[in-house]
Amino acid sequence: MDNIISIEEQEFTLIGKNTRLNGIFNFSGLTHIAGSLEGDVHIKDQSLLTIEETSRIEGKINCADLKVFGTIKGEIISTGKVEIFPSGSLSGVIKSQHLVIHPGAIMNIDGHTTGS
């Protein structure tokens, strides 16, 4: 059983779909949000943030890479790539290095990319 990976050694966050949180959140490691958050979300490293289809976020997001399948209302500041999928809905401001919008995504944004 040398292949067992201890959960204590892993760095990730999962917010379940029936969870409702309010405040300022600082995460590191792979992060999936399926619940509702109101407030600021900060990813402290270069890990991916995924906003699941059942998720609703209202506030400011600071991260590297972001995948959006759910709903975000607010401001996104990304040092990497923001990708909005067909089930995604975004309303607000986006500042990112790269922006990918898949057909079917709902967008009402003021945004710009810095490219590389």
PDB file of N, CA and C in Angstrom:
ATOM      1  N   MET A   1       0.819  -1.196   0.000  1.00  0.00           N
ATOM      2  CA  MET A   1       0.000   0.000   0.000  1.00  0.00           C
ATOM      3  C   MET A   1       0.862   1.259   0.000  1.00  0.00           C
ATOM      4  N   ASP A   2       1.950   1.249  -0.695  1.00  0.00           N
ATOM      5  CA  ASP A   2       2.829   2.408  -0.770  1.00  0.00           C
ATOM      6  C   ASP A   2       2.250   3.519  -1.641  1.00  0.00           C
ATOM      7  N   ASN A   3       1.209   3.238  -2.412  1.00  0.00           N
ATOM      8  CA  ASN A   3       0.653   4.215  -3.351  1.00  0.00           C
ATOM      9  C   ASN A   3      -0.435   5.079  -2.733  1.00  0.00           C
ATOM     10  N   ILE A   4      -0.732   4.906  -1.469  1.00  0.00           N
ATOM     11  CA  ILE A   4      -1.798   5.669  -0.826  1.00  0.00           C
ATOM     12  C   ILE A   4      -1.348   7.116  -0.644  1.00  0.00           C
ATOM     13  N   ILE A   5      -2.230   8.035  -1.085  1.00  0.00           N
ATOM     14  CA  ILE A   5      -1.952   9.460  -0.943  1.00  0.00           C
ATOM     15  C   ILE A   5      -2.791   9.982   0.220  1.00  0.00           C
ATOM     16  N   SER A   6      -2.132  10.527   1.196  1.00  0.00           N
ATOM     17  CA  SER A   6      -2.810  11.040   2.379  1.00  0.00           C
ATOM     18  C   SER A   6      -3.556  12.331   2.055  1.00  0.00           C
ATOM     19  N   ILE A   7      -4.802  12.437   2.506  1.00  0.00           N
ATOM     20  CA  ILE A   7      -5.594  13.648   2.283  1.00  0.00           C
ATOM     21  C   ILE A   7      -4.955  14.857   2.950  1.00  0.00           C
ATOM     22  N   GLU A   8      -4.243  14.638   4.047  1.00  0.00           N
ATOM     23  CA  GLU A   8      -3.585  15.728   4.753  1.00  0.00           C
ATOM     24  C   GLU A   8      -2.467  16.356   3.925  1.00  0.00           C
ATOM     25  N   GLU A   9      -1.941  15.618   2.964  1.00  0.00           N
ATOM     26  CA  GLU A   9      -0.851  16.108   2.130  1.00  0.00           C
ATOM     27  C   GLU A   9      -1.348  16.846   0.886  1.00  0.00           C
ATOM     28  N   GLN A  10      -2.642  16.812   0.648  1.00  0.00           N
ATOM     29  CA  GLN A  10      -3.206  17.425  -0.545  1.00  0.00           C
ATOM     30  C   GLN A  10      -3.588  18.879  -0.269  1.00  0.00           C
ATOM     31  N   GLU A  11      -3.480  19.702  -1.289  1.00  0.00           N
ATOM     32  CA  GLU A  11      -3.870  21.099  -1.161  1.00  0.00           C
ATOM     33  C   GLU A  11      -4.929  21.394  -2.210  1.00  0.00           C
ATOM     34  N   PHE A  12      -6.186  21.360  -1.774  1.00  0.00           N
ATOM     35  CA  PHE A  12      -7.300  21.644  -2.662  1.00  0.00           C
ATOM     36  C   PHE A  12      -8.471  22.140  -1.827  1.00  0.00           C
ATOM     37  N   THR A  13      -9.456  22.737  -2.503  1.00  0.00           N
ATOM     38  CA  THR A  13     -10.665  23.194  -1.828  1.00  0.00           C
ATOM     39  C   THR A  13     -11.863  22.805  -2.666  1.00  0.00           C
ATOM     40  N   LEU A  14     -12.915  22.318  -2.011  1.00  0.00           N
ATOM     41  CA  LEU A  14     -14.177  22.002  -2.661  1.00  0.00           C
ATOM     42  C   LEU A  14     -15.293  22.610  -1.820  1.00  0.00           C
ATOM     43  N   ILE A  15     -16.058  23.500  -2.429  1.00  0.00           N
ATOM     44  CA  ILE A  15     -17.230  24.096  -1.788  1.00  0.00           C
ATOM     45  C   ILE A  15     -18.443  23.433  -2.433  1.00  0.00           C
ATOM     46  N   GLY A  16     -19.195  22.662  -1.664  1.00  0.00           N
ATOM     47  CA  GLY A  16     -20.324  21.883  -2.172  1.00  0.00           C
ATOM     48  C   GLY A  16     -21.490  22.726  -2.658  1.00  0.00           C
ATOM     49  N   LYS A  17     -22.343  22.113  -3.479  1.00  0.00           N
ATOM     50  CA  LYS A  17     -23.418  22.851  -4.154  1.00  0.00           C
ATOM     51  C   LYS A  17     -24.493  23.385  -3.217  1.00  0.00           C
ATOM     52  N   ASN A  18     -24.677  22.834  -2.048  1.00  0.00           N
ATOM     53  CA  ASN A  18     -25.692  23.337  -1.115  1.00  0.00           C
ATOM     54  C   ASN A  18     -25.114  24.297  -0.081  1.00  0.00           C
ATOM     55  N   THR A  19     -23.883  24.749  -0.311  1.00  0.00           N
ATOM     56  CA  THR A  19     -23.205  25.641   0.626  1.00  0.00           C
ATOM     57  C   THR A  19     -23.430  27.093   0.246  1.00  0.00           C
ATOM     58  N   ARG A  20     -23.670  27.935   1.257  1.00  0.00           N
ATOM     59  CA  ARG A  20     -23.800  29.383   1.055  1.00  0.00           C
ATOM     60  C   ARG A  20     -22.821  30.047   2.004  1.00  0.00           C
ATOM     61  N   LEU A  21     -21.892  30.834   1.428  1.00  0.00           N
ATOM     62  CA  LEU A  21     -20.879  31.491   2.238  1.00  0.00           C
ATOM     63  C   LEU A  21     -20.824  32.974   1.905  1.00  0.00           C
ATOM     64  N   ASN A  22     -20.408  33.765   2.894  1.00  0.00           N
ATOM     65  CA  ASN A  22     -20.296  35.201   2.730  1.00  0.00           C
ATOM     66  C   ASN A  22     -19.018  35.638   3.425  1.00  0.00           C
ATOM     67  N   GLY A  23     -18.171  36.425   2.730  1.00  0.00           N
ATOM     68  CA  GLY A  23     -16.954  36.911   3.364  1.00  0.00           C
ATOM     69  C   GLY A  23     -15.808  37.087   2.394  1.00  0.00           C
ATOM     70  N   ILE A  24     -14.593  37.048   2.928  1.00  0.00           N
ATOM     71  CA  ILE A  24     -13.366  37.135   2.137  1.00  0.00           C
ATOM     72  C   ILE A  24     -12.694  35.776   2.226  1.00  0.00           C
ATOM     73  N   PHE A  25     -12.420  35.179   1.060  1.00  0.00           N
ATOM     74  CA  PHE A  25     -11.903  33.818   1.005  1.00  0.00           C
ATOM     75  C   PHE A  25     -10.536  33.790   0.352  1.00  0.00           C
ATOM     76  N   ASN A  26      -9.576  33.148   0.999  1.00  0.00           N
ATOM     77  CA  ASN A  26      -8.223  32.970   0.483  1.00  0.00           C
ATOM     78  C   ASN A  26      -7.974  31.475   0.336  1.00  0.00           C
ATOM     79  N   PHE A  27      -7.810  31.033  -0.903  1.00  0.00           N
ATOM     80  CA  PHE A  27      -7.592  29.623  -1.191  1.00  0.00           C
ATOM     81  C   PHE A  27      -6.241  29.440  -1.844  1.00  0.00           C
ATOM     82  N   SER A  28      -5.686  28.240  -1.711  1.00  0.00           N
ATOM     83  CA  SER A  28      -4.518  27.849  -2.489  1.00  0.00           C
ATOM     84  C   SER A  28      -4.723  26.409  -2.907  1.00  0.00           C
ATOM     85  N   GLY A  29      -4.141  26.045  -4.022  1.00  0.00           N
ATOM     86  CA  GLY A  29      -4.366  24.723  -4.579  1.00  0.00           C
ATOM     87  C   GLY A  29      -5.615  24.715  -5.441  1.00  0.00           C
ATOM     88  N   LEU A  30      -5.810  23.614  -6.122  1.00  0.00           N
ATOM     89  CA  LEU A  30      -6.970  23.426  -6.989  1.00  0.00           C
ATOM     90  C   LEU A  30      -8.243  23.737  -6.215  1.00  0.00           C
ATOM     91  N   THR A  31      -9.106  24.602  -6.752  1.00  0.00           N
ATOM     92  CA  THR A  31     -10.319  25.016  -6.053  1.00  0.00           C
ATOM     93  C   THR A  31     -11.536  24.867  -6.952  1.00  0.00           C
ATOM     94  N   HIS A  32     -12.564  24.167  -6.450  1.00  0.00           N
ATOM     95  CA  HIS A  32     -13.844  24.011  -7.142  1.00  0.00           C
ATOM     96  C   HIS A  32     -14.924  24.593  -6.250  1.00  0.00           C
ATOM     97  N   ILE A  33     -15.729  25.479  -6.815  1.00  0.00           N
ATOM     98  CA  ILE A  33     -16.841  26.066  -6.073  1.00  0.00           C
ATOM     99  C   ILE A  33     -18.129  25.661  -6.778  1.00  0.00           C
ATOM    100  N   ALA A  34     -18.989  24.939  -6.060  1.00  0.00           N
ATOM    101  CA  ALA A  34     -20.273  24.515  -6.608  1.00  0.00           C
ATOM    102  C   ALA A  34     -21.430  25.189  -5.874  1.00  0.00           C
ATOM    103  N   GLY A  35     -21.132  25.871  -4.778  1.00  0.00           N
ATOM    104  CA  GLY A  35     -22.153  26.530  -3.973  1.00  0.00           C
ATOM    105  C   GLY A  35     -22.248  28.018  -4.296  1.00  0.00           C
ATOM    106  N   SER A  36     -22.804  28.771  -3.374  1.00  0.00           N
ATOM    107  CA  SER A  36     -22.984  30.215  -3.537  1.00  0.00           C
ATOM    108  C   SER A  36     -22.035  30.963  -2.612  1.00  0.00           C
ATOM    109  N   LEU A  37     -21.321  31.925  -3.183  1.00  0.00           N
ATOM    110  CA  LEU A  37     -20.412  32.761  -2.405  1.00  0.00           C
ATOM    111  C   LEU A  37     -20.719  34.218  -2.686  1.00  0.00           C
ATOM    112  N   GLU A  38     -20.694  35.021  -1.624  1.00  0.00           N
ATOM    113  CA  GLU A  38     -20.801  36.459  -1.763  1.00  0.00           C
ATOM    114  C   GLU A  38     -19.589  37.047  -1.065  1.00  0.00           C
ATOM    115  N   GLY A  39     -18.797  37.819  -1.808  1.00  0.00           N
ATOM    116  CA  GLY A  39     -17.596  38.400  -1.231  1.00  0.00           C
ATOM    117  C   GLY A  39     -16.419  38.282  -2.177  1.00  0.00           C
ATOM    118  N   ASP A  40     -15.222  38.328  -1.612  1.00  0.00           N
ATOM    119  CA  ASP A  40     -13.994  38.290  -2.413  1.00  0.00           C
ATOM    120  C   ASP A  40     -13.366  36.905  -2.355  1.00  0.00           C
ATOM    121  N   VAL A  41     -12.910  36.433  -3.521  1.00  0.00           N
ATOM    122  CA  VAL A  41     -12.233  35.146  -3.630  1.00  0.00           C
ATOM    123  C   VAL A  41     -10.824  35.405  -4.147  1.00  0.00           C
ATOM    124  N   HIS A  42      -9.824  34.940  -3.404  1.00  0.00           N
ATOM    125  CA  HIS A  42      -8.421  35.106  -3.793  1.00  0.00           C
ATOM    126  C   HIS A  42      -7.771  33.733  -3.864  1.00  0.00           C
ATOM    127  N   ILE A  43      -7.182  33.410  -5.020  1.00  0.00           N
ATOM    128  CA  ILE A  43      -6.397  32.193  -5.150  1.00  0.00           C
ATOM    129  C   ILE A  43      -4.948  32.623  -4.989  1.00  0.00           C
ATOM    130  N   LYS A  44      -4.302  32.132  -3.941  1.00  0.00           N
ATOM    131  CA  LYS A  44      -2.983  32.625  -3.541  1.00  0.00           C
ATOM    132  C   LYS A  44      -1.815  32.041  -4.327  1.00  0.00           C
ATOM    133  N   ASP A  45      -2.077  31.105  -5.232  1.00  0.00           N
ATOM    134  CA  ASP A  45      -1.007  30.551  -6.055  1.00  0.00           C
ATOM    135  C   ASP A  45      -1.497  30.491  -7.507  1.00  0.00           C
ATOM    136  N   GLN A  46      -0.855  29.732  -8.333  1.00  0.00           N
ATOM    137  CA  GLN A  46      -1.202  29.660  -9.755  1.00  0.00           C
ATOM    138  C   GLN A  46      -2.209  28.557 -10.055  1.00  0.00           C
ATOM    139  N   SER A  47      -2.873  28.027  -9.046  1.00  0.00           N
ATOM    140  CA  SER A  47      -3.809  26.921  -9.225  1.00  0.00           C
ATOM    141  C   SER A  47      -5.092  27.365  -9.919  1.00  0.00           C
ATOM    142  N   LEU A  48      -5.724  26.405 -10.572  1.00  0.00           N
ATOM    143  CA  LEU A  48      -6.961  26.630 -11.303  1.00  0.00           C
ATOM    144  C   LEU A  48      -8.138  26.816 -10.342  1.00  0.00           C
ATOM    145  N   LEU A  49      -8.987  27.799 -10.646  1.00  0.00           N
ATOM    146  CA  LEU A  49     -10.259  27.990  -9.959  1.00  0.00           C
ATOM    147  C   LEU A  49     -11.362  27.600 -10.932  1.00  0.00           C
ATOM    148  N   THR A  50     -12.249  26.702 -10.501  1.00  0.00           N
ATOM    149  CA  THR A  50     -13.372  26.273 -11.336  1.00  0.00           C
ATOM    150  C   THR A  50     -14.672  26.650 -10.640  1.00  0.00           C
ATOM    151  N   ILE A  51     -15.509  27.386 -11.361  1.00  0.00           N
ATOM    152  CA  ILE A  51     -16.839  27.760 -10.885  1.00  0.00           C
ATOM    153  C   ILE A  51     -17.811  26.787 -11.552  1.00  0.00           C
ATOM    154  N   GLU A  52     -18.328  25.854 -10.765  1.00  0.00           N
ATOM    155  CA  GLU A  52     -19.173  24.792 -11.303  1.00  0.00           C
ATOM    156  C   GLU A  52     -20.547  25.329 -11.726  1.00  0.00           C
ATOM    157  N   GLU A  53     -21.276  24.528 -12.505  1.00  0.00           N
ATOM    158  CA  GLU A  53     -22.558  24.926 -13.083  1.00  0.00           C
ATOM    159  C   GLU A  53     -23.594  25.319 -12.028  1.00  0.00           C
ATOM    160  N   THR A  54     -23.543  24.717 -10.851  1.00  0.00           N
ATOM    161  CA  THR A  54     -24.511  25.013  -9.788  1.00  0.00           C
ATOM    162  C   THR A  54     -24.122  26.234  -8.957  1.00  0.00           C
ATOM    163  N   SER A  55     -22.997  26.838  -9.279  1.00  0.00           N
ATOM    164  CA  SER A  55     -22.449  27.912  -8.454  1.00  0.00           C
ATOM    165  C   SER A  55     -22.958  29.297  -8.851  1.00  0.00           C
ATOM    166  N   ARG A  56     -23.068  30.157  -7.835  1.00  0.00           N
ATOM    167  CA  ARG A  56     -23.382  31.578  -8.032  1.00  0.00           C
ATOM    168  C   ARG A  56     -22.406  32.364  -7.174  1.00  0.00           C
ATOM    169  N   ILE A  57     -21.635  33.215  -7.828  1.00  0.00           N
ATOM    170  CA  ILE A  57     -20.637  34.030  -7.136  1.00  0.00           C
ATOM    171  C   ILE A  57     -20.989  35.497  -7.353  1.00  0.00           C
ATOM    172  N   GLU A  58     -21.001  36.259  -6.266  1.00  0.00           N
ATOM    173  CA  GLU A  58     -21.191  37.703  -6.367  1.00  0.00           C
ATOM    174  C   GLU A  58     -20.063  38.355  -5.585  1.00  0.00           C
ATOM    175  N   GLY A  59     -19.203  39.087  -6.314  1.00  0.00           N
ATOM    176  CA  GLY A  59     -18.074  39.726  -5.657  1.00  0.00           C
ATOM    177  C   GLY A  59     -16.883  39.831  -6.592  1.00  0.00           C
ATOM    178  N   LYS A  60     -15.705  39.880  -5.996  1.00  0.00           N
ATOM    179  CA  LYS A  60     -14.471  40.055  -6.740  1.00  0.00           C
ATOM    180  C   LYS A  60     -13.651  38.772  -6.686  1.00  0.00           C
ATOM    181  N   ILE A  61     -13.105  38.362  -7.842  1.00  0.00           N
ATOM    182  CA  ILE A  61     -12.278  37.162  -7.928  1.00  0.00           C
ATOM    183  C   ILE A  61     -10.895  37.556  -8.415  1.00  0.00           C
ATOM    184  N   ASN A  62      -9.862  37.165  -7.678  1.00  0.00           N
ATOM    185  CA  ASN A  62      -8.462  37.337  -8.070  1.00  0.00           C
ATOM    186  C   ASN A  62      -7.860  35.946  -8.204  1.00  0.00           C
ATOM    187  N   CYS A  63      -7.350  35.624  -9.404  1.00  0.00           N
ATOM    188  CA  CYS A  63      -6.824  34.280  -9.612  1.00  0.00           C
ATOM    189  C   CYS A  63      -5.867  34.274 -10.807  1.00  0.00           C
ATOM    190  N   ALA A  64      -5.300  33.113 -11.058  1.00  0.00           N
ATOM    191  CA  ALA A  64      -4.494  32.912 -12.271  1.00  0.00           C
ATOM    192  C   ALA A  64      -5.446  32.445 -13.370  1.00  0.00           C
ATOM    193  N   ASP A  65      -5.759  31.160 -13.401  1.00  0.00           N
ATOM    194  CA  ASP A  65      -6.659  30.605 -14.420  1.00  0.00           C
ATOM    195  C   ASP A  65      -8.027  30.335 -13.818  1.00  0.00           C
ATOM    196  N   LEU A  66      -9.067  30.556 -14.636  1.00  0.00           N
ATOM    197  CA  LEU A  66     -10.442  30.426 -14.181  1.00  0.00           C
ATOM    198  C   LEU A  66     -11.280  29.757 -15.257  1.00  0.00           C
ATOM    199  N   LYS A  67     -12.061  28.740 -14.854  1.00  0.00           N
ATOM    200  CA  LYS A  67     -13.046  28.118 -15.733  1.00  0.00           C
ATOM    201  C   LYS A  67     -14.415  28.374 -15.137  1.00  0.00           C
ATOM    202  N   VAL A  68     -15.327  28.914 -15.966  1.00  0.00           N
ATOM    203  CA  VAL A  68     -16.650  29.306 -15.479  1.00  0.00           C
ATOM    204  C   VAL A  68     -17.722  28.469 -16.173  1.00  0.00           C
ATOM    205  N   PHE A  69     -18.410  27.645 -15.381  1.00  0.00           N
ATOM    206  CA  PHE A  69     -19.561  26.885 -15.845  1.00  0.00           C
ATOM    207  C   PHE A  69     -20.838  27.423 -15.200  1.00  0.00           C
ATOM    208  N   GLY A  70     -20.712  28.183 -14.133  1.00  0.00           N
ATOM    209  CA  GLY A  70     -21.835  28.728 -13.367  1.00  0.00           C
ATOM    210  C   GLY A  70     -22.019  30.210 -13.616  1.00  0.00           C
ATOM    211  N   THR A  71     -22.477  30.933 -12.599  1.00  0.00           N
ATOM    212  CA  THR A  71     -22.837  32.346 -12.713  1.00  0.00           C
ATOM    213  C   THR A  71     -21.927  33.200 -11.836  1.00  0.00           C
ATOM    214  N   ILE A  72     -21.397  34.260 -12.443  1.00  0.00           N
ATOM    215  CA  ILE A  72     -20.580  35.223 -11.700  1.00  0.00           C
ATOM    216  C   ILE A  72     -21.110  36.618 -11.978  1.00  0.00           C
ATOM    217  N   LYS A  73     -21.270  37.397 -10.902  1.00  0.00           N
ATOM    218  CA  LYS A  73     -21.632  38.803 -11.012  1.00  0.00           C
ATOM    219  C   LYS A  73     -20.600  39.570 -10.204  1.00  0.00           C
ATOM    220  N   GLY A  74     -19.801  40.394 -10.882  1.00  0.00           N
ATOM    221  CA  GLY A  74     -18.774  41.144 -10.172  1.00  0.00           C
ATOM    222  C   GLY A  74     -17.560  41.402 -11.022  1.00  0.00           C
ATOM    223  N   GLU A  75     -16.388  41.359 -10.395  1.00  0.00           N
ATOM    224  CA  GLU A  75     -15.138  41.676 -11.069  1.00  0.00           C
ATOM    225  C   GLU A  75     -14.189  40.485 -11.017  1.00  0.00           C
ATOM    226  N   ILE A  76     -13.556  40.210 -12.162  1.00  0.00           N
ATOM    227  CA  ILE A  76     -12.561  39.144 -12.245  1.00  0.00           C
ATOM    228  C   ILE A  76     -11.234  39.762 -12.652  1.00  0.00           C
ATOM    229  N   ILE A  77     -10.198  39.476 -11.875  1.00  0.00           N
ATOM    230  CA  ILE A  77      -8.844  39.879 -12.229  1.00  0.00           C
ATOM    231  C   ILE A  77      -8.027  38.598 -12.321  1.00  0.00           C
ATOM    232  N   SER A  78      -7.571  38.284 -13.535  1.00  0.00           N
ATOM    233  CA  SER A  78      -6.872  37.030 -13.786  1.00  0.00           C
ATOM    234  C   SER A  78      -5.509  37.301 -14.409  1.00  0.00           C
ATOM    235  N   THR A  79      -4.478  36.636 -13.882  1.00  0.00           N
ATOM    236  CA  THR A  79      -3.141  36.756 -14.468  1.00  0.00           C
ATOM    237  C   THR A  79      -2.930  35.714 -15.559  1.00  0.00           C
ATOM    238  N   GLY A  80      -3.923  34.863 -15.770  1.00  0.00           N
ATOM    239  CA  GLY A  80      -3.824  33.797 -16.764  1.00  0.00           C
ATOM    240  C   GLY A  80      -4.989  33.826 -17.731  1.00  0.00           C
ATOM    241  N   LYS A  81      -5.653  32.676 -17.869  1.00  0.00           N
ATOM    242  CA  LYS A  81      -6.742  32.518 -18.834  1.00  0.00           C
ATOM    243  C   LYS A  81      -8.084  32.379 -18.116  1.00  0.00           C
ATOM    244  N   VAL A  82      -9.069  33.131 -18.608  1.00  0.00           N
ATOM    245  CA  VAL A  82     -10.454  32.989 -18.161  1.00  0.00           C
ATOM    246  C   VAL A  82     -11.205  32.313 -19.301  1.00  0.00           C
ATOM    247  N   GLU A  83     -11.869  31.214 -18.979  1.00  0.00           N
ATOM    248  CA  GLU A  83     -12.605  30.455 -19.991  1.00  0.00           C
ATOM    249  C   GLU A  83     -14.054  30.336 -19.543  1.00  0.00           C
ATOM    250  N   ILE A  84     -14.977  30.831 -20.387  1.00  0.00           N
ATOM    251  CA  ILE A  84     -16.403  30.813 -20.083  1.00  0.00           C
ATOM    252  C   ILE A  84     -17.062  29.747 -20.956  1.00  0.00           C
ATOM    253  N   PHE A  85     -17.684  28.755 -20.338  1.00  0.00           N
ATOM    254  CA  PHE A  85     -18.291  27.641 -21.047  1.00  0.00           C
ATOM    255  C   PHE A  85     -19.763  27.919 -21.338  1.00  0.00           C
ATOM    256  N   PRO A  86     -20.423  27.118 -22.215  1.00  0.00           N
ATOM    257  CA  PRO A  86     -21.808  27.398 -22.616  1.00  0.00           C
ATOM    258  C   PRO A  86     -22.796  27.556 -21.468  1.00  0.00           C
ATOM    259  N   SER A  87     -22.601  26.860 -20.350  1.00  0.00           N
ATOM    260  CA  SER A  87     -23.508  26.997 -19.212  1.00  0.00           C
ATOM    261  C   SER A  87     -23.166  28.206 -18.347  1.00  0.00           C
ATOM    262  N   GLY A  88     -22.053  28.887 -18.661  1.00  0.00           N
ATOM    263  CA  GLY A  88     -21.577  30.004 -17.857  1.00  0.00           C
ATOM    264  C   GLY A  88     -22.298  31.307 -18.146  1.00  0.00           C
ATOM    265  N   SER A  89     -22.391  32.133 -17.121  1.00  0.00           N
ATOM    266  CA  SER A  89     -23.005  33.448 -17.229  1.00  0.00           C
ATOM    267  C   SER A  89     -22.140  34.430 -16.444  1.00  0.00           C
ATOM    268  N   LEU A  90     -21.783  35.516 -17.101  1.00  0.00           N
ATOM    269  CA  LEU A  90     -20.889  36.475 -16.474  1.00  0.00           C
ATOM    270  C   LEU A  90     -21.423  37.884 -16.661  1.00  0.00           C
ATOM    271  N   SER A  91     -21.469  38.640 -15.574  1.00  0.00           N
ATOM    272  CA  SER A  91     -21.916  40.024 -15.608  1.00  0.00           C
ATOM    273  C   SER A  91     -20.950  40.836 -14.765  1.00  0.00           C
ATOM    274  N   GLY A  92     -20.289  41.807 -15.393  1.00  0.00           N
ATOM    275  CA  GLY A  92     -19.362  42.631 -14.642  1.00  0.00           C
ATOM    276  C   GLY A  92     -18.129  43.000 -15.430  1.00  0.00           C
ATOM    277  N   VAL A  93     -16.978  43.026 -14.757  1.00  0.00           N
ATOM    278  CA  VAL A  93     -15.712  43.466 -15.337  1.00  0.00           C
ATOM    279  C   VAL A  93     -14.736  42.301 -15.343  1.00  0.00           C
ATOM    280  N   ILE A  94     -14.037  42.127 -16.475  1.00  0.00           N
ATOM    281  CA  ILE A  94     -12.987  41.107 -16.565  1.00  0.00           C
ATOM    282  C   ILE A  94     -11.701  41.781 -17.007  1.00  0.00           C
ATOM    283  N   LYS A  95     -10.633  41.502 -16.271  1.00  0.00           N
ATOM    284  CA  LYS A  95      -9.283  41.886 -16.663  1.00  0.00           C
ATOM    285  C   LYS A  95      -8.476  40.605 -16.637  1.00  0.00           C
ATOM    286  N   SER A  96      -8.004  40.156 -17.796  1.00  0.00           N
ATOM    287  CA  SER A  96      -7.266  38.899 -17.850  1.00  0.00           C
ATOM    288  C   SER A  96      -6.218  38.939 -18.947  1.00  0.00           C
ATOM    289  N   GLN A  97      -5.293  38.000 -18.861  1.00  0.00           N
ATOM    290  CA  GLN A  97      -4.287  37.904 -19.903  1.00  0.00           C
ATOM    291  C   GLN A  97      -4.912  37.312 -21.164  1.00  0.00           C
ATOM    292  N   HIS A  98      -5.743  36.284 -20.994  1.00  0.00           N
ATOM    293  CA  HIS A  98      -6.424  35.633 -22.121  1.00  0.00           C
ATOM    294  C   HIS A  98      -7.880  35.409 -21.741  1.00  0.00           C
ATOM    295  N   LEU A  99      -8.772  35.524 -22.726  1.00  0.00           N
ATOM    296  CA  LEU A  99     -10.199  35.311 -22.503  1.00  0.00           C
ATOM    297  C   LEU A  99     -10.740  34.417 -23.610  1.00  0.00           C
ATOM    298  N   VAL A 100     -11.382  33.311 -23.217  1.00  0.00           N
ATOM    299  CA  VAL A 100     -12.001  32.389 -24.168  1.00  0.00           C
ATOM    300  C   VAL A 100     -13.484  32.314 -23.824  1.00  0.00           C
ATOM    301  N   ILE A 101     -14.340  32.625 -24.796  1.00  0.00           N
ATOM    302  CA  ILE A 101     -15.788  32.574 -24.603  1.00  0.00           C
ATOM    303  C   ILE A 101     -16.345  31.531 -25.561  1.00  0.00           C
ATOM    304  N   HIS A 102     -16.887  30.462 -25.014  1.00  0.00           N
ATOM    305  CA  HIS A 102     -17.462  29.401 -25.840  1.00  0.00           C
ATOM    306  C   HIS A 102     -18.869  29.805 -26.278  1.00  0.00           C
ATOM    307  N   PRO A 103     -19.293  29.367 -27.474  1.00  0.00           N
ATOM    308  CA  PRO A 103     -20.646  29.671 -27.949  1.00  0.00           C
ATOM    309  C   PRO A 103     -21.695  29.213 -26.940  1.00  0.00           C
ATOM    310  N   GLY A 104     -22.648  30.080 -26.675  1.00  0.00           N
ATOM    311  CA  GLY A 104     -23.724  29.776 -25.742  1.00  0.00           C
ATOM    312  C   GLY A 104     -23.555  30.431 -24.379  1.00  0.00           C
ATOM    313  N   ALA A 105     -22.348  30.886 -24.065  1.00  0.00           N
ATOM    314  CA  ALA A 105     -22.116  31.569 -22.790  1.00  0.00           C
ATOM    315  C   ALA A 105     -22.858  32.900 -22.785  1.00  0.00           C
ATOM    316  N   ILE A 106     -23.353  33.295 -21.629  1.00  0.00           N
ATOM    317  CA  ILE A 106     -24.075  34.564 -21.488  1.00  0.00           C
ATOM    318  C   ILE A 106     -23.114  35.589 -20.908  1.00  0.00           C
ATOM    319  N   MET A 107     -22.923  36.683 -21.633  1.00  0.00           N
ATOM    320  CA  MET A 107     -21.930  37.680 -21.240  1.00  0.00           C
ATOM    321  C   MET A 107     -22.531  39.077 -21.244  1.00  0.00           C
ATOM    322  N   ASN A 108     -22.281  39.817 -20.181  1.00  0.00           N
ATOM    323  CA  ASN A 108     -22.610  41.226 -20.102  1.00  0.00           C
ATOM    324  C   ASN A 108     -21.436  41.859 -19.357  1.00  0.00           C
ATOM    325  N   ILE A 109     -20.360  42.176 -20.106  1.00  0.00           N
ATOM    326  CA  ILE A 109     -19.109  42.539 -19.455  1.00  0.00           C
ATOM    327  C   ILE A 109     -18.478  43.795 -20.031  1.00  0.00           C
ATOM    328  N   ASP A 110     -17.630  44.369 -19.219  1.00  0.00           N
ATOM    329  CA  ASP A 110     -16.662  45.367 -19.631  1.00  0.00           C
ATOM    330  C   ASP A 110     -15.335  44.669 -19.404  1.00  0.00           C
ATOM    331  N   GLY A 111     -14.620  44.344 -20.471  1.00  0.00           N
ATOM    332  CA  GLY A 111     -13.411  43.558 -20.266  1.00  0.00           C
ATOM    333  C   GLY A 111     -12.287  43.933 -21.188  1.00  0.00           C
ATOM    334  N   HIS A 112     -11.099  43.540 -20.773  1.00  0.00           N
ATOM    335  CA  HIS A 112      -9.943  43.671 -21.651  1.00  0.00           C
ATOM    336  C   HIS A 112      -8.913  42.607 -21.310  1.00  0.00           C
ATOM    337  N   THR A 113      -8.118  42.279 -22.311  1.00  0.00           N
ATOM    338  CA  THR A 113      -7.067  41.293 -22.130  1.00  0.00           C
ATOM    339  C   THR A 113      -5.726  41.938 -22.363  1.00  0.00           C
ATOM    340  N   THR A 114      -4.724  41.399 -21.697  1.00  0.00           N
ATOM    341  CA  THR A 114      -3.377  41.930 -21.871  1.00  0.00           C
ATOM    342  C   THR A 114      -2.571  41.120 -22.868  1.00  0.00           C
ATOM    343  N   GLY A 115      -3.010  39.884 -23.157  1.00  0.00           N
ATOM    344  CA  GLY A 115      -2.304  39.029 -24.121  1.00  0.00           C
ATOM    345  C   GLY A 115      -0.879  38.758 -23.683  1.00  0.00           C
ATOM    346  N   SER A 116      -0.166  38.045 -24.521  1.00  0.00           N
ATOM    347  CA  SER A 116       1.247  37.803 -24.209  1.00  0.00           C
ATOM    348  C   SER A 116       2.104  37.873 -25.447  1.00  0.00           C
TER     349      SER A 116
END
